[in-house]
N, C-alpha and C. Protein backbone atom coordinates (compact mmCIF):
# COMPACT_ATOMS: atom_id res chain seq x y z
N UNK A 1 -18.81 -61.27 -45.80
CA UNK A 1 -18.79 -60.64 -44.50
C UNK A 1 -18.03 -59.33 -44.60
N UNK A 2 -18.62 -58.29 -44.12
CA UNK A 2 -17.91 -57.03 -43.98
C UNK A 2 -17.69 -56.79 -42.50
N UNK A 3 -16.68 -55.97 -42.20
CA UNK A 3 -16.40 -55.68 -40.79
C UNK A 3 -17.61 -55.08 -40.10
N UNK A 4 -18.43 -54.33 -40.83
CA UNK A 4 -19.60 -53.70 -40.21
C UNK A 4 -20.68 -54.72 -39.87
N UNK A 5 -20.59 -55.91 -40.42
CA UNK A 5 -21.60 -56.93 -40.10
C UNK A 5 -21.24 -57.74 -38.87
N UNK A 6 -20.05 -57.53 -38.32
CA UNK A 6 -19.59 -58.28 -37.15
C UNK A 6 -19.92 -57.50 -35.88
N UNK A 7 -20.47 -58.22 -34.89
CA UNK A 7 -20.73 -57.59 -33.59
C UNK A 7 -20.18 -58.48 -32.48
N UNK A 8 -19.95 -57.85 -31.34
CA UNK A 8 -19.41 -58.54 -30.16
C UNK A 8 -20.41 -58.34 -29.03
N UNK A 9 -20.77 -59.44 -28.38
CA UNK A 9 -21.85 -59.41 -27.40
C UNK A 9 -21.47 -60.22 -26.17
N UNK A 10 -21.75 -59.69 -24.99
CA UNK A 10 -21.55 -60.45 -23.76
C UNK A 10 -22.82 -61.27 -23.50
N UNK A 11 -22.64 -62.57 -23.29
CA UNK A 11 -23.76 -63.47 -23.00
C UNK A 11 -23.47 -64.12 -21.64
N UNK A 12 -23.80 -63.41 -20.55
CA UNK A 12 -23.41 -63.88 -19.22
C UNK A 12 -24.00 -65.23 -18.84
N UNK A 13 -25.18 -65.55 -19.32
CA UNK A 13 -25.77 -66.84 -18.96
C UNK A 13 -25.00 -68.02 -19.54
N UNK A 14 -24.20 -67.78 -20.59
CA UNK A 14 -23.35 -68.82 -21.18
C UNK A 14 -21.88 -68.64 -20.79
N UNK A 15 -21.59 -67.62 -19.99
CA UNK A 15 -20.22 -67.29 -19.57
C UNK A 15 -19.29 -67.13 -20.78
N UNK A 16 -19.72 -66.29 -21.71
CA UNK A 16 -18.85 -66.04 -22.85
C UNK A 16 -19.20 -64.72 -23.52
N UNK A 17 -18.22 -64.25 -24.28
CA UNK A 17 -18.37 -63.10 -25.16
C UNK A 17 -18.38 -63.66 -26.57
N UNK A 18 -19.40 -63.31 -27.35
CA UNK A 18 -19.57 -63.91 -28.66
C UNK A 18 -19.22 -62.95 -29.78
N UNK A 19 -18.80 -63.55 -30.89
CA UNK A 19 -18.62 -62.85 -32.16
C UNK A 19 -19.79 -63.29 -33.03
N UNK A 20 -20.53 -62.33 -33.55
CA UNK A 20 -21.69 -62.65 -34.38
C UNK A 20 -21.58 -61.95 -35.72
N UNK A 21 -22.02 -62.66 -36.76
CA UNK A 21 -22.12 -62.08 -38.09
C UNK A 21 -23.57 -61.71 -38.30
N UNK A 22 -23.85 -60.41 -38.28
CA UNK A 22 -25.22 -59.93 -38.39
C UNK A 22 -25.73 -59.89 -39.82
N UNK A 23 -24.85 -60.07 -40.80
CA UNK A 23 -25.25 -60.00 -42.20
C UNK A 23 -25.51 -61.37 -42.80
N UNK A 24 -25.35 -62.42 -42.01
CA UNK A 24 -25.44 -63.77 -42.54
C UNK A 24 -26.87 -64.22 -42.80
N UNK A 25 -27.84 -63.48 -42.36
CA UNK A 25 -29.24 -63.86 -42.55
C UNK A 25 -30.12 -63.06 -41.62
N UNK A 26 -31.33 -63.55 -41.42
CA UNK A 26 -32.26 -62.81 -40.58
C UNK A 26 -31.85 -62.83 -39.11
N UNK A 27 -31.20 -63.89 -38.69
CA UNK A 27 -30.70 -64.01 -37.32
C UNK A 27 -29.18 -63.93 -37.34
N UNK A 28 -28.58 -63.24 -36.36
CA UNK A 28 -27.12 -63.23 -36.29
C UNK A 28 -26.57 -64.65 -36.14
N UNK A 29 -25.43 -64.90 -36.76
CA UNK A 29 -24.80 -66.21 -36.72
C UNK A 29 -23.59 -66.16 -35.79
N UNK A 30 -23.51 -67.10 -34.86
CA UNK A 30 -22.37 -67.21 -33.96
C UNK A 30 -21.17 -67.70 -34.77
N UNK A 31 -20.09 -66.92 -34.76
CA UNK A 31 -18.90 -67.32 -35.52
C UNK A 31 -17.67 -67.49 -34.64
N UNK A 32 -17.80 -67.19 -33.36
CA UNK A 32 -16.69 -67.37 -32.44
C UNK A 32 -17.04 -66.87 -31.06
N UNK A 33 -16.12 -67.11 -30.11
CA UNK A 33 -16.36 -66.66 -28.74
C UNK A 33 -15.09 -66.79 -27.92
N UNK A 34 -15.09 -66.11 -26.79
CA UNK A 34 -14.12 -66.36 -25.74
C UNK A 34 -14.93 -66.68 -24.50
N UNK A 35 -14.60 -67.80 -23.89
CA UNK A 35 -15.37 -68.34 -22.79
C UNK A 35 -14.62 -68.10 -21.47
N UNK A 36 -15.37 -67.91 -20.41
CA UNK A 36 -14.76 -67.63 -19.12
C UNK A 36 -15.47 -68.38 -18.00
N UNK A 37 -14.81 -68.40 -16.84
CA UNK A 37 -15.44 -68.89 -15.62
C UNK A 37 -15.24 -67.82 -14.57
N UNK A 38 -16.04 -67.90 -13.52
CA UNK A 38 -15.97 -66.93 -12.43
C UNK A 38 -15.52 -67.67 -11.17
N UNK A 39 -14.21 -67.74 -10.93
CA UNK A 39 -13.71 -68.51 -9.79
C UNK A 39 -14.02 -67.87 -8.44
N UNK A 40 -14.29 -66.57 -8.43
CA UNK A 40 -14.59 -65.85 -7.19
C UNK A 40 -15.31 -64.56 -7.57
N UNK A 41 -15.49 -63.67 -6.61
CA UNK A 41 -16.23 -62.42 -6.86
C UNK A 41 -15.39 -61.32 -7.49
N UNK A 42 -14.11 -61.60 -7.71
CA UNK A 42 -13.19 -60.56 -8.17
C UNK A 42 -12.68 -60.83 -9.59
N UNK A 43 -12.60 -62.10 -10.00
CA UNK A 43 -11.92 -62.48 -11.24
C UNK A 43 -12.85 -63.01 -12.33
N UNK A 44 -12.44 -62.72 -13.54
CA UNK A 44 -12.99 -63.37 -14.73
C UNK A 44 -11.81 -64.14 -15.32
N UNK A 45 -11.94 -65.46 -15.35
CA UNK A 45 -10.86 -66.34 -15.82
C UNK A 45 -11.21 -66.83 -17.22
N UNK A 46 -10.46 -66.35 -18.21
CA UNK A 46 -10.70 -66.75 -19.59
C UNK A 46 -10.09 -68.13 -19.83
N UNK A 47 -10.91 -69.05 -20.34
CA UNK A 47 -10.48 -70.45 -20.45
C UNK A 47 -10.42 -70.98 -21.88
N UNK A 48 -11.10 -70.34 -22.82
CA UNK A 48 -11.11 -70.88 -24.19
C UNK A 48 -11.57 -69.80 -25.16
N UNK A 49 -10.90 -69.74 -26.30
CA UNK A 49 -11.28 -68.82 -27.38
C UNK A 49 -11.24 -69.58 -28.68
N UNK A 50 -12.27 -69.38 -29.51
CA UNK A 50 -12.25 -70.01 -30.84
C UNK A 50 -13.04 -69.17 -31.84
N UNK A 51 -12.66 -69.32 -33.10
CA UNK A 51 -13.33 -68.66 -34.22
C UNK A 51 -13.53 -69.70 -35.30
N UNK A 52 -14.72 -69.71 -35.90
CA UNK A 52 -15.01 -70.62 -37.00
C UNK A 52 -13.94 -70.47 -38.08
N UNK A 53 -13.49 -71.60 -38.62
CA UNK A 53 -12.42 -71.58 -39.63
C UNK A 53 -12.73 -70.66 -40.80
N UNK A 54 -13.98 -70.58 -41.20
CA UNK A 54 -14.34 -69.75 -42.35
C UNK A 54 -14.20 -68.26 -42.06
N UNK A 55 -14.03 -67.89 -40.79
CA UNK A 55 -13.85 -66.50 -40.39
C UNK A 55 -12.43 -66.24 -39.88
N UNK A 56 -11.58 -67.23 -39.97
CA UNK A 56 -10.21 -67.12 -39.46
C UNK A 56 -9.37 -66.12 -40.23
N UNK A 57 -8.31 -65.66 -39.60
CA UNK A 57 -7.37 -64.76 -40.26
C UNK A 57 -7.82 -63.33 -40.41
N UNK A 58 -8.89 -62.96 -39.74
CA UNK A 58 -9.43 -61.60 -39.86
C UNK A 58 -9.29 -60.79 -38.58
N UNK A 59 -8.62 -61.37 -37.59
CA UNK A 59 -8.42 -60.65 -36.34
C UNK A 59 -9.61 -60.65 -35.40
N UNK A 60 -10.59 -61.49 -35.67
CA UNK A 60 -11.81 -61.48 -34.85
C UNK A 60 -11.57 -61.98 -33.43
N UNK A 61 -10.69 -62.96 -33.26
CA UNK A 61 -10.40 -63.45 -31.91
C UNK A 61 -9.82 -62.33 -31.07
N UNK A 62 -8.88 -61.60 -31.62
CA UNK A 62 -8.29 -60.48 -30.89
C UNK A 62 -9.31 -59.41 -30.57
N UNK A 63 -10.22 -59.16 -31.50
CA UNK A 63 -11.25 -58.15 -31.27
C UNK A 63 -12.21 -58.56 -30.16
N UNK A 64 -12.60 -59.83 -30.13
CA UNK A 64 -13.53 -60.25 -29.06
C UNK A 64 -12.81 -60.24 -27.71
N UNK A 65 -11.53 -60.60 -27.69
CA UNK A 65 -10.78 -60.54 -26.43
C UNK A 65 -10.68 -59.09 -25.96
N UNK A 66 -10.37 -58.17 -26.84
CA UNK A 66 -10.29 -56.75 -26.47
C UNK A 66 -11.63 -56.26 -25.94
N UNK A 67 -12.71 -56.64 -26.60
CA UNK A 67 -14.06 -56.27 -26.17
C UNK A 67 -14.33 -56.82 -24.77
N UNK A 68 -13.99 -58.10 -24.55
CA UNK A 68 -14.24 -58.75 -23.26
C UNK A 68 -13.42 -58.10 -22.15
N UNK A 69 -12.15 -57.84 -22.40
CA UNK A 69 -11.30 -57.28 -21.36
C UNK A 69 -11.70 -55.85 -21.03
N UNK A 70 -12.13 -55.09 -22.02
CA UNK A 70 -12.64 -53.74 -21.75
C UNK A 70 -13.89 -53.81 -20.87
N UNK A 71 -14.73 -54.80 -21.11
CA UNK A 71 -15.93 -54.98 -20.29
C UNK A 71 -15.56 -55.36 -18.87
N UNK A 72 -14.58 -56.24 -18.72
CA UNK A 72 -14.11 -56.63 -17.38
C UNK A 72 -13.60 -55.40 -16.64
N UNK A 73 -12.82 -54.58 -17.32
CA UNK A 73 -12.31 -53.35 -16.70
C UNK A 73 -13.46 -52.44 -16.27
N UNK A 74 -14.42 -52.25 -17.16
CA UNK A 74 -15.55 -51.38 -16.86
C UNK A 74 -16.36 -51.88 -15.66
N UNK A 75 -16.43 -53.18 -15.49
CA UNK A 75 -17.17 -53.77 -14.37
C UNK A 75 -16.36 -53.81 -13.08
N UNK A 76 -15.11 -53.34 -13.11
CA UNK A 76 -14.28 -53.26 -11.91
C UNK A 76 -13.75 -54.60 -11.44
N UNK A 77 -13.63 -55.56 -12.37
CA UNK A 77 -13.15 -56.89 -12.03
C UNK A 77 -11.69 -57.04 -12.47
N UNK A 78 -11.11 -58.18 -12.18
CA UNK A 78 -9.74 -58.50 -12.54
C UNK A 78 -9.72 -59.67 -13.51
N UNK A 79 -8.59 -59.83 -14.20
CA UNK A 79 -8.46 -60.84 -15.24
C UNK A 79 -7.52 -61.94 -14.78
N UNK A 80 -7.92 -63.17 -15.08
CA UNK A 80 -7.03 -64.32 -15.04
C UNK A 80 -7.17 -64.97 -16.41
N UNK A 81 -6.16 -65.69 -16.82
CA UNK A 81 -6.25 -66.32 -18.15
C UNK A 81 -5.58 -67.68 -18.14
N UNK A 82 -6.38 -68.69 -18.38
CA UNK A 82 -5.87 -70.04 -18.63
C UNK A 82 -5.89 -70.34 -20.13
N UNK A 83 -6.63 -69.56 -20.90
CA UNK A 83 -6.71 -69.75 -22.35
C UNK A 83 -5.38 -69.31 -22.98
N UNK A 84 -4.70 -70.22 -23.69
CA UNK A 84 -3.42 -69.85 -24.32
C UNK A 84 -3.52 -68.64 -25.25
N UNK A 85 -4.62 -68.53 -25.98
CA UNK A 85 -4.76 -67.39 -26.88
C UNK A 85 -4.81 -66.08 -26.09
N UNK A 86 -5.59 -66.04 -25.02
CA UNK A 86 -5.70 -64.82 -24.22
C UNK A 86 -4.37 -64.50 -23.54
N UNK A 87 -3.66 -65.51 -23.05
CA UNK A 87 -2.35 -65.29 -22.44
C UNK A 87 -1.41 -64.64 -23.45
N UNK A 88 -1.36 -65.18 -24.66
CA UNK A 88 -0.51 -64.61 -25.71
C UNK A 88 -0.95 -63.20 -26.07
N UNK A 89 -2.25 -62.99 -26.22
CA UNK A 89 -2.79 -61.67 -26.57
C UNK A 89 -2.39 -60.65 -25.52
N UNK A 90 -2.53 -61.01 -24.25
CA UNK A 90 -2.18 -60.10 -23.16
C UNK A 90 -0.70 -59.75 -23.17
N UNK A 91 0.15 -60.69 -23.59
CA UNK A 91 1.59 -60.41 -23.63
C UNK A 91 1.93 -59.34 -24.67
N UNK A 92 1.06 -59.16 -25.65
CA UNK A 92 1.28 -58.16 -26.70
C UNK A 92 0.46 -56.89 -26.51
N UNK A 93 -0.44 -56.88 -25.52
CA UNK A 93 -1.32 -55.73 -25.28
C UNK A 93 -1.23 -55.34 -23.81
N UNK A 94 -0.18 -54.63 -23.49
CA UNK A 94 0.13 -54.32 -22.10
C UNK A 94 -0.84 -53.32 -21.47
N UNK A 95 -1.74 -52.75 -22.25
CA UNK A 95 -2.69 -51.80 -21.68
C UNK A 95 -3.65 -52.45 -20.68
N UNK A 96 -3.66 -53.79 -20.63
CA UNK A 96 -4.50 -54.49 -19.65
C UNK A 96 -3.67 -55.11 -18.52
N UNK A 97 -2.36 -54.88 -18.51
CA UNK A 97 -1.48 -55.51 -17.51
C UNK A 97 -1.89 -55.19 -16.08
N UNK A 98 -2.44 -53.99 -15.87
CA UNK A 98 -2.83 -53.60 -14.51
C UNK A 98 -4.01 -54.42 -13.97
N UNK A 99 -4.68 -55.16 -14.83
CA UNK A 99 -5.85 -55.94 -14.41
C UNK A 99 -5.54 -57.43 -14.26
N UNK A 100 -4.37 -57.86 -14.69
CA UNK A 100 -4.06 -59.28 -14.79
C UNK A 100 -3.45 -59.81 -13.50
N UNK A 101 -4.01 -60.89 -12.99
CA UNK A 101 -3.47 -61.59 -11.84
C UNK A 101 -2.94 -62.94 -12.29
N UNK A 102 -1.88 -63.44 -11.64
CA UNK A 102 -1.35 -64.76 -12.01
C UNK A 102 -2.37 -65.86 -11.72
N UNK A 103 -2.21 -66.95 -12.42
CA UNK A 103 -3.12 -68.09 -12.23
C UNK A 103 -2.33 -69.31 -11.79
N UNK A 104 -3.02 -70.18 -11.08
CA UNK A 104 -2.44 -71.48 -10.73
C UNK A 104 -2.64 -72.40 -11.93
N UNK A 105 -1.71 -73.29 -12.21
CA UNK A 105 -1.89 -74.23 -13.32
C UNK A 105 -3.15 -75.08 -13.09
N UNK A 106 -3.79 -75.41 -14.19
CA UNK A 106 -5.01 -76.24 -14.11
C UNK A 106 -4.62 -77.68 -13.91
């Protein structure tokens, strides 16, 4: 896998942003995602993020979260995060702090 073979795609019908390896064969291979729910018309609530173990340690989870949050910003929505990975990521990337709203515990 080279970095140029990785792509990030929004798949709204599945409520997730996917990480795909485009060099793995004729069809892109799903290697990770960050999943969300839409609790209302204003928020995108991130609930789960995962990356296939064979692709771990390459920063792909952070890249898909950055891609997803930039898309949320572009769409004029706000962020909530129940996913522990996204919560931690946001604590280290304050450039999205203006979009984050607190969440009620699940």
